């Protein structure tokens, strides 16, 4: 599964590019909302200057708008950081193909498994037979293996399907 999904850098890069497009759209929306809030603040200040709005009411409105502005700017900052992380992952995808499994530590292998595997279920239809279903986190594929044997273990691929299609 590692070789099939993580080592295939084009699949990973395509997925990350889609996520970057989504993040970009969110950033544009939030930037528009920020500009709208700033325009509202300018109008409130203008109304206060010309006496069409009391100082007390104007300050309350400005305080609410400032809170909204701070919240939107914080969200924009988070999205910018997320976009930087995705771009870093895209550049790291080129390096993934050069990884030597023999040189990896156990912790590095565990980290890769956590990236790929969502969950594993084991069913025992017979005493010395087990069906192991591995749910893939990257593209919702389920791979089912059959493990047989008492003394000598045989592992064979039974089925592989997309979870969404099966439902």
C-alpha atoms as a PDB file:
ATOM      1  CA  UNK A   1       0.000   0.000   0.000  1.00  0.00           C
ATOM      2  CA  UNK A   2       2.867   2.333   0.780  1.00  0.00           C
ATOM      3  CA  UNK A   3       4.415   1.806  -2.629  1.00  0.00           C
ATOM      4  CA  UNK A   4       1.059   2.044  -4.386  1.00  0.00           C
ATOM      5  CA  UNK A   5      -0.264   5.204  -2.764  1.00  0.00           C
ATOM      6  CA  UNK A   6       2.532   7.211  -1.158  1.00  0.00           C
ATOM      7  CA  UNK A   7       5.300   6.322  -3.522  1.00  0.00           C
ATOM      8  CA  UNK A   8       3.102   7.301  -6.470  1.00  0.00           C
ATOM      9  CA  UNK A   9       3.951  10.977  -6.297  1.00  0.00           C
ATOM     10  CA  UNK A  10       1.607  12.013  -9.116  1.00  0.00           C
ATOM     11  CA  UNK A  11      -1.462  10.836  -7.158  1.00  0.00           C
ATOM     12  CA  UNK A  12      -0.252  12.616  -4.044  1.00  0.00           C
ATOM     13  CA  UNK A  13       0.641  15.801  -5.922  1.00  0.00           C
ATOM     14  CA  UNK A  14      -2.737  15.851  -7.689  1.00  0.00           C
ATOM     15  CA  UNK A  15      -4.533  15.477  -4.342  1.00  0.00           C
ATOM     16  CA  UNK A  16      -2.463  18.255  -2.784  1.00  0.00           C
ATOM     17  CA  UNK A  17      -3.053  20.541  -5.798  1.00  0.00           C
ATOM     18  CA  UNK A  18      -6.827  20.096  -5.388  1.00  0.00           C
ATOM     19  CA  UNK A  19      -6.525  20.975  -1.710  1.00  0.00           C
ATOM     20  CA  UNK A  20      -4.465  24.057  -2.615  1.00  0.00           C
ATOM     21  CA  UNK A  21      -7.175  25.225  -5.027  1.00  0.00           C
ATOM     22  CA  UNK A  22      -9.789  24.833  -2.288  1.00  0.00           C
ATOM     23  CA  UNK A  23      -7.630  26.758   0.176  1.00  0.00           C
ATOM     24  CA  UNK A  24      -7.077  29.482  -2.420  1.00  0.00           C
ATOM     25  CA  UNK A  25     -10.838  29.900  -2.918  1.00  0.00           C
ATOM     26  CA  UNK A  26     -11.348  30.119   0.848  1.00  0.00           C
ATOM     27  CA  UNK A  27      -8.597  32.741   1.090  1.00  0.00           C
ATOM     28  CA  UNK A  28     -10.218  34.828  -1.654  1.00  0.00           C
ATOM     29  CA  UNK A  29     -13.587  34.660   0.106  1.00  0.00           C
ATOM     30  CA  UNK A  30     -12.112  35.682   3.448  1.00  0.00           C
ATOM     31  CA  UNK A  31     -10.128  38.513   1.832  1.00  0.00           C
ATOM     32  CA  UNK A  32     -13.370  39.827   0.323  1.00  0.00           C
ATOM     33  CA  UNK A  33     -15.080  39.581   3.721  1.00  0.00           C
ATOM     34  CA  UNK A  34     -12.167  41.432   5.359  1.00  0.00           C
ATOM     35  CA  UNK A  35     -12.440  44.233   2.812  1.00  0.00           C
ATOM     36  CA  UNK A  36     -16.207  44.406   3.397  1.00  0.00           C
ATOM     37  CA  UNK A  37     -15.672  44.731   7.160  1.00  0.00           C
ATOM     38  CA  UNK A  38     -13.093  47.492   6.635  1.00  0.00           C
ATOM     39  CA  UNK A  39     -15.562  49.351   4.383  1.00  0.00           C
ATOM     40  CA  UNK A  40     -18.234  49.052   7.068  1.00  0.00           C
ATOM     41  CA  UNK A  41     -15.817  50.427   9.665  1.00  0.00           C
ATOM     42  CA  UNK A  42     -15.048  53.399   7.397  1.00  0.00           C
ATOM     43  CA  UNK A  43     -18.770  54.123   6.975  1.00  0.00           C
ATOM     44  CA  UNK A  44     -19.375  53.966  10.739  1.00  0.00           C
ATOM     45  CA  UNK A  45     -16.468  56.359  11.370  1.00  0.00           C
ATOM     46  CA  UNK A  46     -17.736  58.692   8.662  1.00  0.00           C
ATOM     47  CA  UNK A  47     -21.231  58.709  10.189  1.00  0.00           C
ATOM     48  CA  UNK A  48     -19.712  59.440  13.605  1.00  0.00           C
ATOM     49  CA  UNK A  49     -17.685  62.369  12.191  1.00  0.00           C
ATOM     50  CA  UNK A  50     -20.713  63.960  10.540  1.00  0.00           C
ATOM     51  CA  UNK A  51     -22.847  63.463  13.637  1.00  0.00           C
ATOM     52  CA  UNK A  52     -25.332  61.032  12.112  1.00  0.00           C
ATOM     53  CA  UNK A  53     -24.342  58.386  14.664  1.00  0.00           C
ATOM     54  CA  UNK A  54     -23.686  58.823  18.367  1.00  0.00           C
ATOM     55  CA  UNK A  55     -20.212  58.149  19.704  1.00  0.00           C
ATOM     56  CA  UNK A  56     -21.514  55.446  22.044  1.00  0.00           C
ATOM     57  CA  UNK A  57     -23.396  53.548  19.324  1.00  0.00           C
ATOM     58  CA  UNK A  58     -20.540  54.062  16.842  1.00  0.00           C
ATOM     59  CA  UNK A  59     -17.953  52.715  19.266  1.00  0.00           C
ATOM     60  CA  UNK A  60     -20.123  49.636  19.905  1.00  0.00           C
ATOM     61  CA  UNK A  61     -20.394  48.981  16.172  1.00  0.00           C
ATOM     62  CA  UNK A  62     -16.671  49.546  15.678  1.00  0.00           C
ATOM     63  CA  UNK A  63     -15.885  47.129  18.501  1.00  0.00           C
ATOM     64  CA  UNK A  64     -18.062  44.406  16.943  1.00  0.00           C
ATOM     65  CA  UNK A  65     -16.559  45.008  13.519  1.00  0.00           C
ATOM     66  CA  UNK A  66     -13.031  44.946  14.967  1.00  0.00           C
ATOM     67  CA  UNK A  67     -13.756  41.570  16.585  1.00  0.00           C
ATOM     68  CA  UNK A  68     -15.061  40.234  13.268  1.00  0.00           C
ATOM     69  CA  UNK A  69     -12.024  41.642  11.462  1.00  0.00           C
ATOM     70  CA  UNK A  70      -9.631  40.022  13.944  1.00  0.00           C
ATOM     71  CA  UNK A  71     -11.408  36.675  13.583  1.00  0.00           C
ATOM     72  CA  UNK A  72     -11.263  36.816   9.760  1.00  0.00           C
ATOM     73  CA  UNK A  73      -7.600  37.857   9.762  1.00  0.00           C
ATOM     74  CA  UNK A  74      -6.799  34.973  12.108  1.00  0.00           C
ATOM     75  CA  UNK A  75      -8.595  32.539   9.797  1.00  0.00           C
ATOM     76  CA  UNK A  76      -6.739  33.984   6.793  1.00  0.00           C
ATOM     77  CA  UNK A  77      -3.445  33.498   8.649  1.00  0.00           C
ATOM     78  CA  UNK A  78      -4.373  29.846   9.349  1.00  0.00           C
ATOM     79  CA  UNK A  79      -5.245  29.285   5.682  1.00  0.00           C
ATOM     80  CA  UNK A  80      -1.964  30.858   4.575  1.00  0.00           C
ATOM     81  CA  UNK A  81      -0.061  28.507   6.884  1.00  0.00           C
ATOM     82  CA  UNK A  82      -2.080  25.543   5.601  1.00  0.00           C
ATOM     83  CA  UNK A  83      -1.285  26.532   1.993  1.00  0.00           C
ATOM     84  CA  UNK A  84       2.423  26.766   2.820  1.00  0.00           C
ATOM     85  CA  UNK A  85       2.250  23.302   4.387  1.00  0.00           C
ATOM     86  CA  UNK A  86       0.560  21.847   1.291  1.00  0.00           C
ATOM     87  CA  UNK A  87       3.150  23.447  -0.984  1.00  0.00           C
ATOM     88  CA  UNK A  88       5.885  21.933   1.181  1.00  0.00           C
ATOM     89  CA  UNK A  89       4.205  18.531   0.893  1.00  0.00           C
ATOM     90  CA  UNK A  90       4.119  18.889  -2.901  1.00  0.00           C
ATOM     91  CA  UNK A  91       7.848  19.572  -2.971  1.00  0.00           C
ATOM     92  CA  UNK A  92       8.424  16.712  -0.499  1.00  0.00           C
ATOM     93  CA  UNK A  93       6.545  14.327  -2.826  1.00  0.00           C
ATOM     94  CA  UNK A  94       9.533  14.360  -5.164  1.00  0.00           C
ATOM     95  CA  UNK A  95      11.734  13.182  -2.313  1.00  0.00           C
ATOM     96  CA  UNK A  96       9.327  10.379  -1.326  1.00  0.00           C
ATOM     97  CA  UNK A  97      10.239   8.312  -4.353  1.00  0.00           C
ATOM     98  CA  UNK A  98      13.862   8.193  -3.211  1.00  0.00           C
ATOM     99  CA  UNK A  99      13.160   6.654   0.214  1.00  0.00           C
ATOM    100  CA  UNK A 100      14.963   3.403   1.040  1.00  0.00           C
ATOM    101  CA  UNK A 101      12.744   1.283   3.290  1.00  0.00           C
ATOM    102  CA  UNK A 102      15.708  -0.639   4.686  1.00  0.00           C
ATOM    103  CA  UNK A 103      17.300   2.581   5.951  1.00  0.00           C
ATOM    104  CA  UNK A 104      14.122   3.761   7.695  1.00  0.00           C
ATOM    105  CA  UNK A 105      13.661   3.578  11.432  1.00  0.00           C
ATOM    106  CA  UNK A 106      10.650   1.895  13.010  1.00  0.00           C
ATOM    107  CA  UNK A 107       9.198   5.294  13.971  1.00  0.00           C
ATOM    108  CA  UNK A 108       9.424   6.502  10.366  1.00  0.00           C
ATOM    109  CA  UNK A 109       7.655   3.375   9.142  1.00  0.00           C
ATOM    110  CA  UNK A 110       4.938   3.806  11.774  1.00  0.00           C
ATOM    111  CA  UNK A 111       4.453   7.423  10.656  1.00  0.00           C
ATOM    112  CA  UNK A 112       3.985   6.296   7.052  1.00  0.00           C
ATOM    113  CA  UNK A 113       1.448   3.682   8.146  1.00  0.00           C
ATOM    114  CA  UNK A 114      -0.461   6.378  10.040  1.00  0.00           C
ATOM    115  CA  UNK A 115      -0.542   8.500   6.889  1.00  0.00           C
ATOM    116  CA  UNK A 116      -1.898   5.675   4.739  1.00  0.00           C
ATOM    117  CA  UNK A 117      -4.022   3.387   6.945  1.00  0.00           C
ATOM    118  CA  UNK A 118      -7.304   4.624   8.405  1.00  0.00           C
ATOM    119  CA  UNK A 119      -8.271   1.383  10.148  1.00  0.00           C
ATOM    120  CA  UNK A 120      -7.782  -2.371   9.983  1.00  0.00           C
ATOM    121  CA  UNK A 121     -10.424  -5.008  10.648  1.00  0.00           C
ATOM    122  CA  UNK A 122      -9.803  -8.724  11.085  1.00  0.00           C
ATOM    123  CA  UNK A 123     -12.445 -11.424  10.588  1.00  0.00           C
ATOM    124  CA  UNK A 124     -11.878 -15.114  11.239  1.00  0.00           C
ATOM    125  CA  UNK A 125     -14.132 -17.234   9.011  1.00  0.00           C
ATOM    126  CA  UNK A 126     -12.148 -20.378   9.926  1.00  0.00           C
ATOM    127  CA  UNK A 127      -9.797 -21.298  12.756  1.00  0.00           C
ATOM    128  CA  UNK A 128      -6.558 -20.855  10.795  1.00  0.00           C
ATOM    129  CA  UNK A 129      -7.854 -18.312   8.280  1.00  0.00           C
ATOM    130  CA  UNK A 130      -8.189 -14.580   8.748  1.00  0.00           C
ATOM    131  CA  UNK A 131      -9.511 -11.868   6.434  1.00  0.00           C
ATOM    132  CA  UNK A 132      -7.710  -8.589   7.015  1.00  0.00           C
ATOM    133  CA  UNK A 133      -9.360  -5.440   5.624  1.00  0.00           C
ATOM    134  CA  UNK A 134      -7.121  -2.387   5.404  1.00  0.00           C
ATOM    135  CA  UNK A 135      -8.937   0.928   4.972  1.00  0.00           C
ATOM    136  CA  UNK A 136      -6.803   3.406   3.033  1.00  0.00           C
ATOM    137  CA  UNK A 137      -6.914   7.036   4.191  1.00  0.00           C
ATOM    138  CA  UNK A 138      -5.751   8.568   0.902  1.00  0.00           C
ATOM    139  CA  UNK A 139      -8.428   7.446  -1.548  1.00  0.00           C
ATOM    140  CA  UNK A 140     -10.908   5.439   0.566  1.00  0.00           C
ATOM    141  CA  UNK A 141      -9.847   2.112  -0.909  1.00  0.00           C
ATOM    142  CA  UNK A 142     -10.293  -1.072   1.087  1.00  0.00           C
ATOM    143  CA  UNK A 143      -7.821  -3.880   0.457  1.00  0.00           C
ATOM    144  CA  UNK A 144      -8.794  -7.336   1.749  1.00  0.00           C
ATOM    145  CA  UNK A 145      -6.125  -9.973   2.331  1.00  0.00           C
ATOM    146  CA  UNK A 146      -6.592 -13.595   3.319  1.00  0.00           C
ATOM    147  CA  UNK A 147      -4.059 -15.067   5.717  1.00  0.00           C
ATOM    148  CA  UNK A 148      -4.005 -18.877   6.002  1.00  0.00           C
ATOM    149  CA  UNK A 149      -1.902 -21.300   7.877  1.00  0.00           C
ATOM    150  CA  UNK A 150      -1.016 -22.837  11.168  1.00  0.00           C
ATOM    151  CA  UNK A 151       2.725 -23.379  10.784  1.00  0.00           C
ATOM    152  CA  UNK A 152       3.308 -21.889   7.342  1.00  0.00           C
ATOM    153  CA  UNK A 153       1.575 -18.577   6.649  1.00  0.00           C
ATOM    154  CA  UNK A 154       0.164 -17.778   3.209  1.00  0.00           C
ATOM    155  CA  UNK A 155      -1.022 -14.257   2.405  1.00  0.00           C
ATOM    156  CA  UNK A 156      -3.133 -13.551  -0.666  1.00  0.00           C
ATOM    157  CA  UNK A 157      -5.051 -10.557  -1.952  1.00  0.00           C
ATOM    158  CA  UNK A 158      -8.781 -11.313  -2.075  1.00  0.00           C
ATOM    159  CA  UNK A 159     -10.364  -8.033  -3.071  1.00  0.00           C
ATOM    160  CA  UNK A 160      -9.742  -4.331  -3.443  1.00  0.00           C
ATOM    161  CA  UNK A 161     -12.577  -1.841  -3.758  1.00  0.00           C
ATOM    162  CA  UNK A 162     -13.421   1.798  -3.275  1.00  0.00           C
ATOM    163  CA  UNK A 163     -15.438   2.200  -0.090  1.00  0.00           C
ATOM    164  CA  UNK A 164     -17.732   4.883  -1.553  1.00  0.00           C
ATOM    165  CA  UNK A 165     -18.606   2.715  -4.569  1.00  0.00           C
ATOM    166  CA  UNK A 166     -19.406  -0.285  -2.361  1.00  0.00           C
ATOM    167  CA  UNK A 167     -21.833   1.752  -0.221  1.00  0.00           C
END
